[in-house]
N, C-alpha and C. Protein backbone atom coordinates (compact mmCIF):
# COMPACT_ATOMS: atom_id res chain seq x y z
N UNK A 1 0.72 -1.10 0.02
CA UNK A 1 0.01 -0.23 -0.08
C UNK A 1 0.72 1.51 -0.04
N UNK A 2 0.54 2.43 -0.68
CA UNK A 2 1.05 3.42 -0.95
C UNK A 2 0.12 4.39 0.07
N UNK A 3 0.73 5.73 0.43
CA UNK A 3 -0.01 6.86 1.04
C UNK A 3 0.88 7.99 1.26
N UNK A 4 -0.11 8.95 1.16
CA UNK A 4 0.42 10.30 1.07
C UNK A 4 -0.61 11.00 1.77
N UNK A 5 -0.39 12.29 2.52
CA UNK A 5 -1.32 13.27 2.85
C UNK A 5 -1.10 14.70 2.77
N UNK A 6 -1.93 15.30 2.03
CA UNK A 6 -1.69 16.52 1.76
C UNK A 6 -2.81 17.47 2.22
N UNK A 7 -2.74 18.51 2.90
CA UNK A 7 -3.88 19.41 3.69
C UNK A 7 -5.05 18.55 4.41
N UNK A 8 -4.52 17.45 5.12
CA UNK A 8 -5.30 16.50 5.87
C UNK A 8 -6.31 15.65 5.21
N UNK A 9 -5.82 15.54 3.72
CA UNK A 9 -6.57 14.52 3.02
C UNK A 9 -5.61 13.46 2.81
N UNK A 10 -5.96 12.19 3.23
CA UNK A 10 -5.15 11.01 3.09
C UNK A 10 -5.60 10.41 1.51
N UNK A 11 -4.43 9.73 1.15
CA UNK A 11 -5.01 8.99 -0.28
C UNK A 11 -3.77 7.88 0.25
N UNK A 12 -4.79 6.77 -0.03
CA UNK A 12 -4.19 5.39 -0.11
C UNK A 12 -4.18 4.45 -1.17
N UNK A 13 -3.15 3.68 -1.78
CA UNK A 13 -3.52 3.14 -3.08
C UNK A 13 -3.02 1.84 -2.84
N UNK A 14 -3.75 0.73 -3.32
CA UNK A 14 -3.18 -0.40 -3.61
C UNK A 14 -3.41 -0.94 -4.94
N UNK A 15 -2.16 -1.02 -5.59
CA UNK A 15 -2.40 -1.59 -6.62
C UNK A 15 -2.21 -3.24 -6.95
N UNK A 16 -2.63 -3.82 -7.81
CA UNK A 16 -2.55 -5.41 -7.98
C UNK A 16 -2.52 -5.81 -9.58
N UNK A 17 -1.77 -6.42 -10.09
CA UNK A 17 -1.55 -7.24 -11.34
C UNK A 17 -2.60 -8.07 -11.67
N UNK A 18 -3.27 -7.79 -12.70
CA UNK A 18 -4.45 -8.94 -12.95
C UNK A 18 -3.89 -9.64 -14.45
N UNK A 19 -3.35 -10.65 -13.87
CA UNK A 19 -3.04 -11.60 -14.91
C UNK A 19 -4.59 -12.44 -15.96
N UNK A 20 -5.14 -12.44 -15.36
CA UNK A 20 -6.50 -12.75 -16.28
C UNK A 20 -6.76 -11.87 -17.18
N UNK A 21 -6.66 -10.53 -16.89
CA UNK A 21 -7.01 -9.36 -17.86
C UNK A 21 -5.86 -9.11 -18.85
N UNK A 22 -4.57 -9.63 -18.62
CA UNK A 22 -3.28 -9.63 -19.23
C UNK A 22 -2.99 -10.46 -20.29
N UNK A 23 -2.07 -9.97 -21.59
CA UNK A 23 -1.62 -10.73 -22.48
C UNK A 23 -0.44 -10.58 -22.82
N UNK A 24 0.42 -11.28 -21.98
CA UNK A 24 1.88 -10.69 -21.85
C UNK A 24 2.47 -11.13 -23.64
N UNK A 25 2.06 -12.18 -24.04
CA UNK A 25 2.77 -12.46 -25.49
C UNK A 25 2.19 -11.46 -26.42
N UNK A 26 1.33 -10.67 -26.14
CA UNK A 26 0.66 -9.51 -27.18
C UNK A 26 0.95 -7.97 -26.59
N UNK A 27 1.99 -8.15 -25.78
CA UNK A 27 2.36 -6.99 -25.02
C UNK A 27 1.43 -5.97 -24.47
N UNK A 28 0.46 -6.69 -23.50
CA UNK A 28 -0.44 -6.03 -22.90
C UNK A 28 -0.47 -6.58 -21.29
N UNK A 29 -0.23 -5.93 -20.70
CA UNK A 29 0.00 -6.10 -18.93
C UNK A 29 -1.02 -4.89 -18.57
N UNK A 30 -1.77 -5.32 -17.56
CA UNK A 30 -3.28 -4.73 -16.88
C UNK A 30 -3.03 -4.71 -15.68
N UNK A 31 -3.34 -3.73 -14.81
CA UNK A 31 -3.50 -3.60 -13.48
C UNK A 31 -4.75 -2.97 -12.80
N UNK A 32 -4.99 -3.21 -12.01
CA UNK A 32 -6.01 -2.60 -11.26
C UNK A 32 -5.44 -2.05 -10.12
N UNK A 33 -6.16 -0.93 -9.67
CA UNK A 33 -5.60 -0.15 -8.28
C UNK A 33 -6.98 0.61 -7.41
N UNK A 34 -7.02 0.22 -6.23
CA UNK A 34 -7.99 0.83 -5.36
C UNK A 34 -7.32 1.92 -4.57
N UNK A 35 -8.18 3.08 -4.82
CA UNK A 35 -7.84 4.20 -4.18
C UNK A 35 -8.80 4.50 -2.99
N UNK A 36 -8.63 4.82 -1.87
CA UNK A 36 -9.30 5.24 -0.84
C UNK A 36 -8.82 6.79 -0.05
N UNK A 37 -9.66 7.77 -0.28
CA UNK A 37 -9.48 8.92 0.14
C UNK A 37 -10.15 9.22 1.34
N UNK A 38 -9.46 9.74 2.30
CA UNK A 38 -9.77 10.12 3.58
C UNK A 38 -9.98 11.28 3.96
N UNK A 39 -10.82 12.17 4.41
CA UNK A 39 -10.85 13.33 5.09
C UNK A 39 -10.76 13.52 6.19
N UNK A 40 -9.37 13.72 6.64
CA UNK A 40 -8.99 14.04 8.30
C UNK A 40 -9.17 15.61 8.45
N UNK A 41 -9.34 16.13 7.77
CA UNK A 41 -9.64 17.72 8.28
C UNK A 41 -10.84 18.19 8.67
N UNK A 42 -11.12 19.55 8.93
CA UNK A 42 -11.98 20.09 9.70
C UNK A 42 -13.03 20.47 8.66
N UNK A 43 -12.73 20.75 7.17
CA UNK A 43 -13.63 21.10 6.28
C UNK A 43 -14.23 20.09 5.22
N UNK A 44 -15.58 20.47 4.68
CA UNK A 44 -15.77 19.46 3.63
C UNK A 44 -15.08 20.02 2.71
N UNK A 45 -14.82 19.00 1.71
CA UNK A 45 -14.01 19.27 0.19
C UNK A 45 -14.74 18.23 -0.68
N UNK A 46 -14.50 18.55 -2.13
CA UNK A 46 -15.02 17.87 -3.05
C UNK A 46 -13.93 17.63 -4.07
N UNK A 47 -13.66 16.54 -4.41
CA UNK A 47 -12.93 15.96 -5.66
C UNK A 47 -13.66 16.81 -7.12
N UNK A 48 -12.63 17.33 -7.53
CA UNK A 48 -13.21 17.94 -8.85
C UNK A 48 -12.44 17.24 -10.06
N UNK A 49 -11.29 17.33 -10.08
CA UNK A 49 -10.34 16.67 -11.49
C UNK A 49 -9.34 15.71 -10.80
N UNK A 50 -8.90 14.62 -11.81
CA UNK A 50 -7.84 14.35 -11.68
C UNK A 50 -6.88 14.32 -12.45
N UNK A 51 -5.41 14.23 -12.60
CA UNK A 51 -4.53 14.16 -13.29
C UNK A 51 -3.26 13.36 -12.90
N UNK A 52 -3.00 12.29 -14.05
CA UNK A 52 -2.35 11.02 -13.64
C UNK A 52 -1.10 11.20 -14.64
N UNK A 53 -0.02 10.76 -14.04
CA UNK A 53 1.19 10.98 -15.14
C UNK A 53 1.47 9.37 -14.98
N UNK A 54 1.52 8.68 -15.85
CA UNK A 54 1.80 7.11 -16.25
C UNK A 54 2.81 6.61 -16.93
N UNK A 55 3.88 6.16 -16.42
CA UNK A 55 5.24 5.71 -17.22
C UNK A 55 5.40 4.49 -17.15
N UNK A 56 5.65 3.96 -18.70
CA UNK A 56 5.93 2.48 -18.63
C UNK A 56 7.29 2.11 -18.49
N UNK A 57 8.10 0.80 -18.77
CA UNK A 57 9.35 0.25 -18.20
C UNK A 57 10.37 1.04 -19.40
N UNK A 58 9.79 1.63 -20.45
CA UNK A 58 10.64 2.09 -21.47
C UNK A 58 10.60 3.61 -21.17
N UNK A 59 10.18 4.18 -20.10
CA UNK A 59 9.94 5.69 -20.00
C UNK A 59 9.21 6.60 -20.61
N UNK A 60 7.84 5.81 -21.36
CA UNK A 60 7.15 6.63 -22.17
C UNK A 60 6.04 7.33 -21.00
N UNK A 61 5.75 8.23 -21.36
CA UNK A 61 4.88 8.95 -20.42
C UNK A 61 3.71 9.07 -21.03
N UNK A 62 2.62 8.89 -20.04
CA UNK A 62 1.32 9.29 -20.48
C UNK A 62 0.52 10.12 -19.75
N UNK A 63 0.01 11.03 -20.10
CA UNK A 63 -0.98 12.05 -19.03
C UNK A 63 -2.22 11.88 -19.14
N UNK A 64 -3.12 11.67 -18.18
CA UNK A 64 -4.34 11.86 -18.32
C UNK A 64 -4.82 12.64 -17.13
N UNK A 65 -5.94 13.43 -17.99
CA UNK A 65 -6.59 14.53 -17.40
C UNK A 65 -8.25 14.52 -17.34
N UNK A 66 -8.85 14.63 -16.12
CA UNK A 66 -10.48 14.27 -16.40
C UNK A 66 -11.18 14.93 -15.09
N UNK A 67 -12.21 15.19 -15.31
CA UNK A 67 -13.38 15.32 -14.45
C UNK A 67 -13.55 14.38 -13.16
N UNK A 68 -13.52 14.37 -12.12
CA UNK A 68 -13.55 13.45 -11.00
C UNK A 68 -12.94 11.93 -11.19
N UNK A 69 -13.48 11.19 -10.74
CA UNK A 69 -12.94 9.63 -10.52
C UNK A 69 -14.18 8.72 -10.99
N UNK A 70 -14.08 7.85 -11.74
CA UNK A 70 -15.23 6.71 -12.17
C UNK A 70 -16.21 7.15 -12.30
N UNK A 71 -16.61 8.49 -13.02
CA UNK A 71 -17.62 9.10 -13.20
C UNK A 71 -18.39 10.17 -11.95
N UNK A 72 -17.63 9.93 -11.09
CA UNK A 72 -18.10 10.82 -9.67
C UNK A 72 -17.14 11.87 -9.16
N UNK A 73 -17.43 12.95 -8.54
CA UNK A 73 -17.01 14.11 -8.03
C UNK A 73 -17.27 14.11 -6.60
N UNK A 74 -16.68 13.00 -6.03
CA UNK A 74 -17.12 12.92 -4.33
C UNK A 74 -17.15 14.10 -3.70
N UNK A 75 -18.15 14.29 -2.65
CA UNK A 75 -18.08 15.12 -1.55
C UNK A 75 -17.59 14.52 -0.25
N UNK A 76 -16.39 14.91 0.40
CA UNK A 76 -15.94 14.49 1.54
C UNK A 76 -16.46 15.21 2.78
N UNK A 77 -17.47 15.03 3.73
CA UNK A 77 -17.28 15.66 4.81
C UNK A 77 -16.07 15.27 5.59
N UNK A 78 -15.84 16.18 7.02
CA UNK A 78 -14.75 15.56 7.70
C UNK A 78 -14.94 14.31 8.47
N UNK A 79 -13.97 13.53 8.24
CA UNK A 79 -14.17 12.27 8.64
C UNK A 79 -14.39 11.45 7.78
N UNK A 80 -14.76 11.62 6.52
CA UNK A 80 -15.59 10.96 5.48
C UNK A 80 -14.37 10.34 4.71
N UNK A 81 -14.97 9.37 3.98
CA UNK A 81 -13.74 8.74 2.90
C UNK A 81 -14.53 8.00 1.83
N UNK A 82 -14.19 8.04 0.63
CA UNK A 82 -14.31 7.48 -0.62
C UNK A 82 -13.27 6.67 -1.24
N UNK A 83 -14.01 5.51 -1.85
CA UNK A 83 -13.09 4.37 -2.14
C UNK A 83 -13.41 3.87 -3.61
N UNK A 84 -12.56 3.83 -4.68
CA UNK A 84 -12.96 3.70 -5.80
C UNK A 84 -11.63 2.47 -6.69
N UNK A 85 -12.25 1.87 -7.33
CA UNK A 85 -11.10 0.80 -8.12
C UNK A 85 -11.23 1.55 -9.69
N UNK A 86 -10.05 1.20 -10.24
CA UNK A 86 -10.15 1.59 -11.93
C UNK A 86 -9.02 0.77 -11.89
N UNK A 87 -8.40 0.65 -13.44
CA UNK A 87 -7.63 -0.07 -13.85
C UNK A 87 -6.78 0.84 -15.02
N UNK A 88 -5.55 0.11 -15.20
CA UNK A 88 -4.46 0.74 -16.25
C UNK A 88 -3.73 -0.44 -17.07
N UNK A 89 -3.82 -0.14 -18.37
CA UNK A 89 -3.12 -0.97 -19.24
C UNK A 89 -1.75 -0.49 -19.44
N UNK A 90 -0.60 -1.03 -19.54
CA UNK A 90 0.72 -0.92 -20.19
C UNK A 90 1.22 -1.68 -21.21
N UNK A 91 1.88 -1.49 -22.26
CA UNK A 91 2.63 -2.35 -22.82
C UNK A 91 4.04 -3.00 -22.67
N UNK A 92 4.41 -2.69 -21.03
CA UNK A 92 5.36 -3.22 -20.77
C UNK A 92 4.96 -4.02 -19.26
N UNK A 93 5.71 -4.85 -18.97
CA UNK A 93 5.53 -5.47 -17.70
C UNK A 93 5.69 -4.93 -16.46
N UNK A 94 6.26 -3.51 -16.51
CA UNK A 94 6.26 -2.99 -14.97
C UNK A 94 6.04 -1.05 -15.49
N UNK A 95 5.86 -0.65 -14.68
CA UNK A 95 5.48 0.80 -14.82
C UNK A 95 5.26 1.69 -13.53
N UNK A 96 4.98 2.90 -13.56
CA UNK A 96 4.72 3.54 -12.48
C UNK A 96 3.67 4.68 -12.79
N UNK A 97 3.03 5.01 -11.63
CA UNK A 97 1.88 5.98 -11.77
C UNK A 97 2.12 7.00 -10.56
N UNK A 98 1.66 8.43 -10.75
CA UNK A 98 1.72 9.17 -9.84
C UNK A 98 0.57 10.26 -10.14
N UNK A 99 0.13 11.07 -9.25
CA UNK A 99 -0.62 12.06 -9.87
C UNK A 99 -1.45 13.28 -8.80
N UNK A 100 -2.11 14.13 -9.06
CA UNK A 100 -2.94 14.59 -8.10
C UNK A 100 -4.37 14.83 -8.17
N UNK A 101 -5.04 15.21 -7.45
CA UNK A 101 -6.57 15.48 -7.41
C UNK A 101 -6.88 17.19 -7.16
N UNK A 102 -7.50 17.68 -7.71
CA UNK A 102 -8.01 19.22 -7.63
C UNK A 102 -9.14 18.83 -6.72
N UNK A 103 -9.13 19.50 -5.38
CA UNK A 103 -10.32 19.51 -4.76
C UNK A 103 -10.77 21.02 -4.61
N UNK A 104 -12.03 21.13 -3.78
CA UNK A 104 -12.45 22.23 -3.50
C UNK A 104 -13.33 22.45 -2.35
N UNK A 105 -12.93 23.21 -1.63
CA UNK A 105 -13.72 23.51 0.02
C UNK A 105 -15.29 23.88 -0.23
N UNK A 106 -16.10 23.89 0.71
CA UNK A 106 -17.25 24.33 0.47
C UNK A 106 -17.38 25.75 0.16
N UNK A 107 -16.31 26.39 0.72
CA UNK A 107 -16.15 27.95 0.69
C UNK A 107 -15.70 28.32 -0.82
N UNK A 108 -15.33 27.32 -1.66
CA UNK A 108 -14.94 27.43 -3.14
C UNK A 108 -13.53 27.91 -3.53
N UNK A 109 -12.58 27.53 -2.28
CA UNK A 109 -11.33 27.12 -2.36
C UNK A 109 -10.80 26.32 -2.92
N UNK A 110 -9.70 26.21 -4.30
CA UNK A 110 -9.60 25.21 -4.74
C UNK A 110 -7.96 24.77 -4.50
N UNK A 111 -7.65 23.45 -4.45
CA UNK A 111 -6.17 23.04 -4.00
C UNK A 111 -5.81 21.73 -4.36
N UNK A 112 -4.75 21.51 -4.73
CA UNK A 112 -4.44 20.25 -5.20
C UNK A 112 -3.94 19.52 -4.00
N UNK A 113 -4.08 18.06 -4.02
CA UNK A 113 -3.69 17.31 -3.21
C UNK A 113 -2.74 15.54 -3.89
N UNK A 114 -1.78 15.48 -3.28
CA UNK A 114 -0.92 14.43 -3.97
C UNK A 114 -1.44 13.00 -3.97
N UNK A 115 -1.51 12.44 -5.23
CA UNK A 115 -1.77 10.90 -5.31
C UNK A 115 -0.31 10.52 -5.31
N UNK A 116 0.28 9.19 -4.21
CA UNK A 116 1.48 9.03 -3.96
C UNK A 116 1.92 8.00 -5.49
N UNK A 117 3.07 8.21 -5.49
CA UNK A 117 3.75 7.50 -6.70
C UNK A 117 3.88 6.01 -6.23
N UNK A 118 3.32 5.34 -7.47
CA UNK A 118 3.05 3.67 -7.16
C UNK A 118 3.27 2.96 -8.11
N UNK A 119 4.06 1.73 -8.02
CA UNK A 119 4.71 0.98 -8.88
C UNK A 119 3.92 0.01 -9.35
N UNK A 120 3.80 -0.20 -10.62
CA UNK A 120 3.07 -1.45 -11.28
C UNK A 120 4.02 -2.30 -11.69
N UNK A 121 3.99 -3.40 -11.08
CA UNK A 121 4.73 -4.64 -11.37
C UNK A 121 4.07 -5.98 -11.61
N UNK A 122 4.64 -6.81 -12.39
CA UNK A 122 4.14 -8.32 -12.75
C UNK A 122 5.59 -8.99 -12.75
N UNK A 123 5.01 -10.48 -12.94
CA UNK A 123 6.21 -11.42 -12.67
C UNK A 123 7.14 -11.46 -14.15
N UNK A 124 6.26 -10.98 -15.25
CA UNK A 124 6.64 -11.21 -16.23
C UNK A 124 8.32 -10.11 -16.64
N UNK A 125 8.99 -10.71 -17.26
CA UNK A 125 9.92 -9.99 -17.25
C UNK A 125 11.29 -9.72 -16.67
N UNK A 126 10.98 -10.37 -15.54
CA UNK A 126 11.95 -10.23 -14.19
C UNK A 126 13.00 -11.53 -14.12
N UNK A 127 14.21 -11.35 -13.85
CA UNK A 127 15.00 -12.26 -14.08
C UNK A 127 14.99 -12.82 -12.58
N UNK A 128 15.60 -14.24 -12.69
CA UNK A 128 15.95 -14.85 -11.36
C UNK A 128 17.43 -14.91 -11.26
N UNK A 129 18.03 -14.91 -10.34
CA UNK A 129 19.31 -14.76 -10.22
C UNK A 129 19.66 -15.98 -9.40
N UNK A 130 20.47 -16.72 -10.00
CA UNK A 130 20.86 -18.20 -9.17
C UNK A 130 22.05 -18.01 -8.27
């Protein structure tokens, strides 16, 4: 699990490789990741947008921006949390992701919170040292 806290908003990430959705012989590797966002602060906030930086094992970068997450823009009351699962394919057997969420307070103040960098690892392409 990967964790970061920005402005009393905690983001926890748990990635997992899905061999049943992957096709290594065709250069297709798929991961699911579950993210839990916890509001540990005193004010109500809403997740407005996301920005991902996804890098494969060859260093190729893909940036993804969009409204909300999984079609939602969740509102988090103090002490509240929101969890979702999404997925990402890569053409390589490993990579990593990092990003930010743009949040807004109920008073209309916008700010960004960090999504911790997390690795996407599979057993493919790893060498065994004897």
